[in-house]
C-alpha atoms as a PDB file:
ATOM      1  CA  MET A   1       4.017 -16.238  -0.758  1.00  0.00           C
ATOM      2  CA  ARG A   2       0.574 -16.019  -2.331  1.00  0.00           C
ATOM      3  CA  GLU A   3      -0.934 -17.575   0.792  1.00  0.00           C
ATOM      4  CA  SER A   4       0.798 -14.995   2.978  1.00  0.00           C
ATOM      5  CA  ALA A   5      -0.216 -12.098   0.723  1.00  0.00           C
ATOM      6  CA  LEU A   6      -3.844 -13.211   0.559  1.00  0.00           C
ATOM      7  CA  LEU A   7      -3.965 -13.620   4.323  1.00  0.00           C
ATOM      8  CA  VAL A   8      -3.025  -9.946   4.672  1.00  0.00           C
ATOM      9  CA  GLY A   9      -6.006  -8.980   2.527  1.00  0.00           C
ATOM     10  CA  ARG A  10      -8.326 -11.193   4.541  1.00  0.00           C
ATOM     11  CA  THR A  11      -6.950  -9.685   7.743  1.00  0.00           C
ATOM     12  CA  LEU A  12      -7.606  -6.149   6.548  1.00  0.00           C
ATOM     13  CA  ALA A  13     -11.083  -7.230   5.479  1.00  0.00           C
ATOM     14  CA  ALA A  14     -11.750  -8.586   8.987  1.00  0.00           C
ATOM     15  CA  VAL A  15     -10.567  -5.282  10.431  1.00  0.00           C
ATOM     16  CA  ALA A  16     -12.610  -3.286   7.927  1.00  0.00           C
ATOM     17  CA  GLU A  17     -15.810  -4.657   9.441  1.00  0.00           C
ATOM     18  CA  TYR A  18     -15.056  -2.607  12.575  1.00  0.00           C
ATOM     19  CA  ILE A  19     -13.767   0.604  11.003  1.00  0.00           C
ATOM     20  CA  ARG A  20     -16.086   3.470  11.844  1.00  0.00           C
ATOM     21  CA  PRO A  21     -16.119   6.704  13.857  1.00  0.00           C
ATOM     22  CA  GLY A  22     -15.579   6.071  17.576  1.00  0.00           C
ATOM     23  CA  VAL A  23     -13.310   3.020  17.182  1.00  0.00           C
ATOM     24  CA  SER A  24      -9.659   3.207  18.207  1.00  0.00           C
ATOM     25  CA  THR A  25      -6.797   1.989  16.070  1.00  0.00           C
ATOM     26  CA  LEU A  26      -5.573  -0.072  19.002  1.00  0.00           C
ATOM     27  CA  ALA A  27      -8.848  -1.996  18.961  1.00  0.00           C
ATOM     28  CA  LEU A  28      -8.355  -2.617  15.222  1.00  0.00           C
ATOM     29  CA  ASP A  29      -4.809  -3.809  15.934  1.00  0.00           C
ATOM     30  CA  ASP A  30      -6.084  -6.416  18.413  1.00  0.00           C
ATOM     31  CA  ILE A  31      -8.554  -7.717  15.813  1.00  0.00           C
ATOM     32  CA  ALA A  32      -5.765  -8.016  13.223  1.00  0.00           C
ATOM     33  CA  GLU A  33      -3.352  -9.875  15.516  1.00  0.00           C
ATOM     34  CA  THR A  34      -6.035 -12.357  16.637  1.00  0.00           C
ATOM     35  CA  PHE A  35      -7.107 -13.015  13.024  1.00  0.00           C
ATOM     36  CA  ILE A  36      -3.540 -13.611  11.841  1.00  0.00           C
ATOM     37  CA  ARG A  37      -2.691 -15.997  14.676  1.00  0.00           C
ATOM     38  CA  ASP A  38      -6.011 -17.853  14.315  1.00  0.00           C
ATOM     39  CA  HIS A  39      -5.042 -18.579  10.699  1.00  0.00           C
ATOM     40  CA  GLY A  40      -1.652 -20.140  11.445  1.00  0.00           C
ATOM     41  CA  ALA A  41       0.583 -17.134  10.892  1.00  0.00           C
ATOM     42  CA  VAL A  42       2.337 -14.520  12.975  1.00  0.00           C
ATOM     43  CA  PRO A  43       2.247 -10.748  12.603  1.00  0.00           C
ATOM     44  CA  GLY A  44       5.072  -9.677  10.273  1.00  0.00           C
ATOM     45  CA  PHE A  45       5.529  -6.229  11.769  1.00  0.00           C
ATOM     46  CA  LYS A  46       5.237  -6.848  15.490  1.00  0.00           C
ATOM     47  CA  GLY A  47       8.752  -6.828  16.943  1.00  0.00           C
ATOM     48  CA  TYR A  48      10.314  -5.987  13.564  1.00  0.00           C
ATOM     49  CA  GLY A  49      12.885  -3.379  14.491  1.00  0.00           C
ATOM     50  CA  ASP A  50      11.074  -3.216  17.847  1.00  0.00           C
ATOM     51  CA  PHE A  51       7.832  -2.010  16.241  1.00  0.00           C
ATOM     52  CA  PRO A  52       5.216  -2.603  18.984  1.00  0.00           C
ATOM     53  CA  ASN A  53       2.118  -3.594  17.018  1.00  0.00           C
ATOM     54  CA  THR A  54       0.603  -5.738  14.280  1.00  0.00           C
ATOM     55  CA  LEU A  55      -0.708  -2.884  12.150  1.00  0.00           C
ATOM     56  CA  CYS A  56       0.879   0.323  11.021  1.00  0.00           C
ATOM     57  CA  ALA A  57      -2.124   2.604  11.490  1.00  0.00           C
ATOM     58  CA  SER A  58      -1.514   6.008   9.901  1.00  0.00           C
ATOM     59  CA  LYS A  59      -4.251   8.625  10.112  1.00  0.00           C
ATOM     60  CA  ASN A  60      -4.684  11.751   7.995  1.00  0.00           C
ATOM     61  CA  ALA A  61      -1.305  13.528   7.792  1.00  0.00           C
ATOM     62  CA  GLN A  62       0.492  10.388   8.986  1.00  0.00           C
ATOM     63  CA  VAL A  63       1.997   8.774   5.892  1.00  0.00           C
ATOM     64  CA  VAL A  64       3.177   5.417   7.242  1.00  0.00           C
ATOM     65  CA  HIS A  65       4.395   3.602  10.381  1.00  0.00           C
ATOM     66  CA  GLY A  66       1.751   5.053  12.666  1.00  0.00           C
ATOM     67  CA  ILE A  67       1.547   3.282  16.020  1.00  0.00           C
ATOM     68  CA  PRO A  68      -1.972   2.146  17.041  1.00  0.00           C
ATOM     69  CA  ASN A  69      -3.344   3.966  20.074  1.00  0.00           C
ATOM     70  CA  HIS A  70      -6.517   4.690  22.054  1.00  0.00           C
ATOM     71  CA  ASP A  71      -7.521   7.760  20.032  1.00  0.00           C
ATOM     72  CA  GLU A  72     -10.917   7.277  18.390  1.00  0.00           C
ATOM     73  CA  LEU A  73     -11.447   7.646  14.674  1.00  0.00           C
ATOM     74  CA  LEU A  74     -13.525  10.629  13.623  1.00  0.00           C
ATOM     75  CA  ASP A  75     -15.913  11.178  10.756  1.00  0.00           C
ATOM     76  CA  GLY A  76     -13.937  12.573   7.831  1.00  0.00           C
ATOM     77  CA  ASP A  77     -10.629  10.903   8.755  1.00  0.00           C
ATOM     78  CA  ILE A  78      -8.679   8.659   6.456  1.00  0.00           C
ATOM     79  CA  LEU A  79      -6.722   5.708   7.817  1.00  0.00           C
ATOM     80  CA  SER A  80      -3.918   3.788   6.123  1.00  0.00           C
ATOM     81  CA  LEU A  81      -3.583   0.264   7.496  1.00  0.00           C
ATOM     82  CA  ASP A  82      -0.375  -1.478   6.502  1.00  0.00           C
ATOM     83  CA  CYS A  83      -0.153  -5.125   7.537  1.00  0.00           C
ATOM     84  CA  GLY A  84       2.361  -7.921   7.221  1.00  0.00           C
ATOM     85  CA  VAL A  85       2.238 -11.628   8.009  1.00  0.00           C
ATOM     86  CA  LEU A  86       4.830 -14.376   8.181  1.00  0.00           C
ATOM     87  CA  MET A  87       3.532 -17.817   7.251  1.00  0.00           C
ATOM     88  CA  ASN A  88       5.392 -20.913   6.095  1.00  0.00           C
ATOM     89  CA  GLY A  89       8.618 -18.932   6.082  1.00  0.00           C
ATOM     90  CA  PHE A  90       7.467 -16.187   3.693  1.00  0.00           C
ATOM     91  CA  TYR A  91       6.125 -12.685   4.163  1.00  0.00           C
ATOM     92  CA  GLY A  92       3.035 -10.984   2.813  1.00  0.00           C
ATOM     93  CA  ASP A  93       2.759  -7.195   2.956  1.00  0.00           C
ATOM     94  CA  SER A  94      -0.153  -5.051   1.832  1.00  0.00           C
ATOM     95  CA  ALA A  95      -1.802  -1.733   2.659  1.00  0.00           C
ATOM     96  CA  TYR A  96      -5.147  -0.030   2.100  1.00  0.00           C
ATOM     97  CA  THR A  97      -6.388   3.476   2.962  1.00  0.00           C
ATOM     98  CA  PHE A  98      -9.895   3.696   4.370  1.00  0.00           C
ATOM     99  CA  ALA A  99     -12.285   6.649   4.412  1.00  0.00           C
ATOM    100  CA  ILE A 100     -13.955   7.050   7.806  1.00  0.00           C
ATOM    101  CA  GLY A 101     -17.557   8.183   7.390  1.00  0.00           C
ATOM    102  CA  GLU A 102     -17.967  11.061   4.958  1.00  0.00           C
ATOM    103  CA  VAL A 103     -14.764  12.537   3.569  1.00  0.00           C
ATOM    104  CA  SER A 104     -14.260  15.611   1.396  1.00  0.00           C
ATOM    105  CA  ASN A 105     -14.194  15.495  -2.380  1.00  0.00           C
ATOM    106  CA  GLU A 106     -10.489  16.327  -2.445  1.00  0.00           C
ATOM    107  CA  ILE A 107      -9.799  13.363  -0.137  1.00  0.00           C
ATOM    108  CA  LYS A 108     -11.889  11.110  -2.401  1.00  0.00           C
ATOM    109  CA  LYS A 109      -9.777  12.285  -5.334  1.00  0.00           C
ATOM    110  CA  LEU A 110      -6.556  11.599  -3.376  1.00  0.00           C
ATOM    111  CA  LEU A 111      -7.647   8.032  -2.626  1.00  0.00           C
ATOM    112  CA  LYS A 112      -8.746   7.424  -6.228  1.00  0.00           C
ATOM    113  CA  VAL A 113      -5.563   8.792  -7.769  1.00  0.00           C
ATOM    114  CA  THR A 114      -3.323   6.902  -5.317  1.00  0.00           C
ATOM    115  CA  LYS A 115      -5.013   3.616  -6.264  1.00  0.00           C
ATOM    116  CA  GLU A 116      -4.604   4.536  -9.904  1.00  0.00           C
ATOM    117  CA  CYS A 117      -0.911   5.175  -9.247  1.00  0.00           C
ATOM    118  CA  LEU A 118      -0.645   1.637  -7.888  1.00  0.00           C
ATOM    119  CA  ASP A 119      -2.357   0.149 -10.937  1.00  0.00           C
ATOM    120  CA  LEU A 120      -0.156   2.111 -13.328  1.00  0.00           C
ATOM    121  CA  ALA A 121       2.974   1.084 -11.400  1.00  0.00           C
ATOM    122  CA  LEU A 122       1.956  -2.575 -11.477  1.00  0.00           C
ATOM    123  CA  ALA A 123       1.555  -2.397 -15.263  1.00  0.00           C
ATOM    124  CA  GLN A 124       5.301  -1.739 -15.409  1.00  0.00           C
ATOM    125  CA  CYS A 125       6.234  -4.807 -13.324  1.00  0.00           C
ATOM    126  CA  VAL A 126       7.092  -6.940 -16.330  1.00  0.00           C
ATOM    127  CA  VAL A 127      10.226  -8.681 -17.555  1.00  0.00           C
ATOM    128  CA  GLY A 128      12.579  -6.226 -19.295  1.00  0.00           C
ATOM    129  CA  LYS A 129      11.263  -3.072 -17.674  1.00  0.00           C
ATOM    130  CA  ARG A 130      13.328  -1.190 -15.087  1.00  0.00           C
ATOM    131  CA  ILE A 131      12.738   0.057 -11.571  1.00  0.00           C
ATOM    132  CA  GLY A 132      12.615   3.627 -12.899  1.00  0.00           C
ATOM    133  CA  ASP A 133       9.667   2.718 -15.145  1.00  0.00           C
ATOM    134  CA  ILE A 134       7.612   1.796 -12.079  1.00  0.00           C
ATOM    135  CA  GLY A 135       8.460   5.042 -10.286  1.00  0.00           C
ATOM    136  CA  TYR A 136       7.852   7.174 -13.380  1.00  0.00           C
ATOM    137  CA  ALA A 137       4.395   5.695 -13.925  1.00  0.00           C
ATOM    138  CA  CYS A 138       3.421   6.513 -10.334  1.00  0.00           C
ATOM    139  CA  GLN A 139       5.058   9.915 -10.146  1.00  0.00           C
ATOM    140  CA  SER A 140       3.769  11.272 -13.444  1.00  0.00           C
ATOM    141  CA  HIS A 141       0.158  10.355 -12.648  1.00  0.00           C
ATOM    142  CA  ALA A 142       0.241  11.753  -9.102  1.00  0.00           C
ATOM    143  CA  GLU A 143       1.920  15.011 -10.087  1.00  0.00           C
ATOM    144  CA  ALA A 144      -0.467  15.485 -13.016  1.00  0.00           C
ATOM    145  CA  HIS A 145      -3.174  15.815 -10.367  1.00  0.00           C
ATOM    146  CA  GLY A 146      -1.131  18.211  -8.251  1.00  0.00           C
ATOM    147  CA  PHE A 147      -0.198  15.720  -5.537  1.00  0.00           C
ATOM    148  CA  GLY A 148       3.175  15.153  -3.847  1.00  0.00           C
ATOM    149  CA  VAL A 149       5.075  11.870  -4.181  1.00  0.00           C
ATOM    150  CA  VAL A 150       6.980  10.843  -1.057  1.00  0.00           C
ATOM    151  CA  ARG A 151      10.694  10.315  -1.746  1.00  0.00           C
ATOM    152  CA  GLU A 152      12.070   9.053   1.587  1.00  0.00           C
ATOM    153  CA  LEU A 153      10.023   5.834   1.699  1.00  0.00           C
ATOM    154  CA  VAL A 154       9.912   3.192  -0.994  1.00  0.00           C
ATOM    155  CA  GLY A 155       8.556  -0.189  -1.970  1.00  0.00           C
ATOM    156  CA  HIS A 156      10.847  -3.198  -1.823  1.00  0.00           C
ATOM    157  CA  GLY A 157      11.597  -6.778  -2.704  1.00  0.00           C
ATOM    158  CA  LEU A 158       9.796  -9.377  -0.607  1.00  0.00           C
ATOM    159  CA  GLY A 159      10.365 -13.015   0.328  1.00  0.00           C
ATOM    160  CA  LYS A 160      11.866 -14.768   3.310  1.00  0.00           C
ATOM    161  CA  GLU A 161      12.727 -11.292   4.593  1.00  0.00           C
ATOM    162  CA  LEU A 162      10.221  -8.452   4.930  1.00  0.00           C
ATOM    163  CA  HIS A 163      12.484  -6.011   3.103  1.00  0.00           C
ATOM    164  CA  GLU A 164      14.688  -7.342   0.316  1.00  0.00           C
ATOM    165  CA  ALA A 165      16.430  -5.827  -2.681  1.00  0.00           C
ATOM    166  CA  PRO A 166      15.600  -3.997  -4.842  1.00  0.00           C
ATOM    167  CA  GLU A 167      14.164  -0.773  -3.465  1.00  0.00           C
ATOM    168  CA  VAL A 168      11.128   0.402  -5.499  1.00  0.00           C
ATOM    169  CA  PRO A 169      10.751   4.206  -5.377  1.00  0.00           C
ATOM    170  CA  ASN A 170       7.471   5.829  -6.342  1.00  0.00           C
ATOM    171  CA  TYR A 171       9.338   8.352  -8.492  1.00  0.00           C
ATOM    172  CA  GLY A 172      11.931   7.945 -11.183  1.00  0.00           C
ATOM    173  CA  ARG A 173      12.943   8.174 -14.821  1.00  0.00           C
ATOM    174  CA  ARG A 174      11.921   5.757 -17.525  1.00  0.00           C
ATOM    175  CA  GLY A 175      14.673   3.356 -18.529  1.00  0.00           C
ATOM    176  CA  ASN A 176      16.678   3.848 -15.370  1.00  0.00           C
ATOM    177  CA  GLY A 177      17.466   1.464 -12.513  1.00  0.00           C
ATOM    178  CA  ALA A 178      17.744  -2.291 -12.145  1.00  0.00           C
ATOM    179  CA  ARG A 179      16.172  -4.400 -14.880  1.00  0.00           C
ATOM    180  CA  LEU A 180      13.218  -6.526 -13.799  1.00  0.00           C
ATOM    181  CA  SER A 181      13.578 -10.283 -14.210  1.00  0.00           C
ATOM    182  CA  GLU A 182      11.185 -13.247 -14.272  1.00  0.00           C
ATOM    183  CA  GLY A 183      10.001 -14.351 -10.825  1.00  0.00           C
ATOM    184  CA  MET A 184      11.148 -11.236  -8.956  1.00  0.00           C
ATOM    185  CA  VAL A 185       8.705 -10.440  -6.123  1.00  0.00           C
ATOM    186  CA  LEU A 186       8.059  -6.795  -5.316  1.00  0.00           C
ATOM    187  CA  ALA A 187       5.939  -4.908  -2.788  1.00  0.00           C
ATOM    188  CA  VAL A 188       4.796  -1.833  -4.688  1.00  0.00           C
ATOM    189  CA  GLU A 189       3.340   0.907  -2.471  1.00  0.00           C
ATOM    190  CA  PRO A 190       2.569   4.426  -3.627  1.00  0.00           C
ATOM    191  CA  MET A 191       2.533   7.000  -0.811  1.00  0.00           C
ATOM    192  CA  ILE A 192       0.905  10.127  -2.184  1.00  0.00           C
ATOM    193  CA  ASN A 193       0.378  13.422  -0.336  1.00  0.00           C
ATOM    194  CA  LEU A 194      -2.452  15.865  -0.897  1.00  0.00           C
ATOM    195  CA  GLY A 195       0.053  18.696  -0.549  1.00  0.00           C
ATOM    196  CA  LYS A 196       3.847  18.868  -0.493  1.00  0.00           C
ATOM    197  CA  LYS A 197       5.997  15.793  -1.023  1.00  0.00           C
ATOM    198  CA  GLU A 198       8.193  16.414   2.027  1.00  0.00           C
ATOM    199  CA  VAL A 199       7.784  14.377   5.217  1.00  0.00           C
ATOM    200  CA  VAL A 200       9.255  14.335   8.724  1.00  0.00           C
ATOM    201  CA  GLN A 201       9.569  11.690  11.423  1.00  0.00           C
ATOM    202  CA  SER A 202       7.582  12.097  14.640  1.00  0.00           C
ATOM    203  CA  GLU A 203       9.120  12.027  18.110  1.00  0.00           C
ATOM    204  CA  ASP A 204       7.980   8.422  18.614  1.00  0.00           C
ATOM    205  CA  GLY A 205      10.735   7.360  16.217  1.00  0.00           C
ATOM    206  CA  TRP A 206       8.309   5.630  13.856  1.00  0.00           C
ATOM    207  CA  THR A 207       5.461   7.721  12.547  1.00  0.00           C
ATOM    208  CA  ILE A 208       6.138   9.607   9.311  1.00  0.00           C
ATOM    209  CA  VAL A 209       3.972  12.708   8.728  1.00  0.00           C
ATOM    210  CA  THR A 210       3.581  15.254   5.945  1.00  0.00           C
ATOM    211  CA  VAL A 211       5.535  18.434   6.530  1.00  0.00           C
ATOM    212  CA  ASP A 212       2.507  20.614   5.762  1.00  0.00           C
ATOM    213  CA  GLY A 213       0.026  18.613   7.841  1.00  0.00           C
ATOM    214  CA  ARG A 214      -2.110  17.689   4.843  1.00  0.00           C
ATOM    215  CA  PRO A 215      -3.433  14.112   4.359  1.00  0.00           C
ATOM    216  CA  SER A 216      -1.587  11.267   2.713  1.00  0.00           C
ATOM    217  CA  ALA A 217      -2.823   8.025   1.121  1.00  0.00           C
ATOM    218  CA  HIS A 218      -1.107   4.637   0.795  1.00  0.00           C
ATOM    219  CA  PHE A 219      -1.960   1.470  -1.113  1.00  0.00           C
ATOM    220  CA  GLU A 220       0.262  -1.603  -1.516  1.00  0.00           C
ATOM    221  CA  HIS A 221       0.259  -4.867  -3.443  1.00  0.00           C
ATOM    222  CA  ASP A 222       2.705  -7.792  -3.648  1.00  0.00           C
ATOM    223  CA  VAL A 223       3.450  -8.840  -7.234  1.00  0.00           C
ATOM    224  CA  VAL A 224       5.540 -11.286  -9.221  1.00  0.00           C
ATOM    225  CA  VAL A 225       7.310  -9.980 -12.318  1.00  0.00           C
ATOM    226  CA  ARG A 226       6.251 -11.987 -15.393  1.00  0.00           C
ATOM    227  CA  LYS A 227       6.666 -11.698 -19.172  1.00  0.00           C
ATOM    228  CA  GLY A 228       4.136  -9.251 -20.540  1.00  0.00           C
ATOM    229  CA  HIS A 229       2.267  -8.775 -17.288  1.00  0.00           C
ATOM    230  CA  CYS A 230       2.609  -8.961 -13.546  1.00  0.00           C
ATOM    231  CA  GLU A 231       1.030 -11.528 -11.274  1.00  0.00           C
ATOM    232  CA  VAL A 232      -0.630  -9.855  -8.283  1.00  0.00           C
ATOM    233  CA  LEU A 233      -0.318 -12.011  -5.173  1.00  0.00           C
ATOM    234  CA  SER A 234      -2.305  -9.870  -2.753  1.00  0.00           C
ATOM    235  CA  SER A 235      -5.950  -8.835  -3.130  1.00  0.00           C
ATOM    236  CA  PHE A 236      -8.170  -5.924  -2.201  1.00  0.00           C
ATOM    237  CA  ALA A 237     -11.280  -7.881  -3.155  1.00  0.00           C
ATOM    238  CA  PRO A 238     -12.214  -9.084   0.369  1.00  0.00           C
ATOM    239  CA  ILE A 239     -11.651  -5.599   1.750  1.00  0.00           C
ATOM    240  CA  GLU A 240     -13.820  -3.940  -0.873  1.00  0.00           C
ATOM    241  CA  GLU A 241     -16.544  -6.524  -0.468  1.00  0.00           C
ATOM    242  CA  VAL A 242     -16.792  -5.546   3.211  1.00  0.00           C
ATOM    243  CA  LEU A 243     -16.810  -1.851   2.307  1.00  0.00           C
ATOM    244  CA  LYS A 244     -19.537  -2.424  -0.285  1.00  0.00           C
ATOM    245  CA  GLU A 245     -21.697  -4.298   2.214  1.00  0.00           C
ATOM    246  CA  SER A 246     -21.265  -1.589   4.850  1.00  0.00           C
ATOM    247  CA  THR A 247     -22.263   1.078   2.339  1.00  0.00           C
ATOM    248  CA  GLU A 248     -25.374  -0.874   1.327  1.00  0.00           C
ATOM    249  CA  ILE A 249     -26.390  -1.340   4.981  1.00  0.00           C
ATOM    250  CA  SER A 250     -25.952   2.350   5.800  1.00  0.00           C
END
């Protein structure tokens, strides 16, 4: 599972090299699929529930499950790329939200706080804690900054199936929910809105968007529940190395 999770990060890093204004999400999707297949895996999302692509590419007010298309990215956009792979019988599933060109300060804050929500949620993924502890850590931090926490979409267990029990909401009460046990693998994925928490589904049957049209951010890691800490299987390091290099070049 670690191999699958790390391959997702490497795939998103390969895609990140091409993320800039003027590039379409469909072009990024082609890069991701080629990279995954070249490394002995298959896209985890393509064909899952009839989803047509390798990446979920969700821009601005799109929260998750955006379908890649020919529309070009614009300066000031944000883009959540959620990617899954299936390799050696196990899934990896991770997401990262990218800033396209120069984004506003409030967008920068949204991205920062959403990543912090993920880190705080992961700190709760230890033996003896409960599902509600994960959600509470995420919700309390996001709402302290005035952001909305999506209710309708949740993290999940992960393994030989892409979505396994238990569900992992990004909101909750401390001490509530299923107790976490040693070796449990979870995909934890805060989805945080700049405005209201409510979302709606688009006419394409997939894309989820914020009800008020304001931007949403999404980050996701795969983790193993351990005693006293969690073991993070996925990695943002290769993605952020590419982003650092592109910033230095520009």
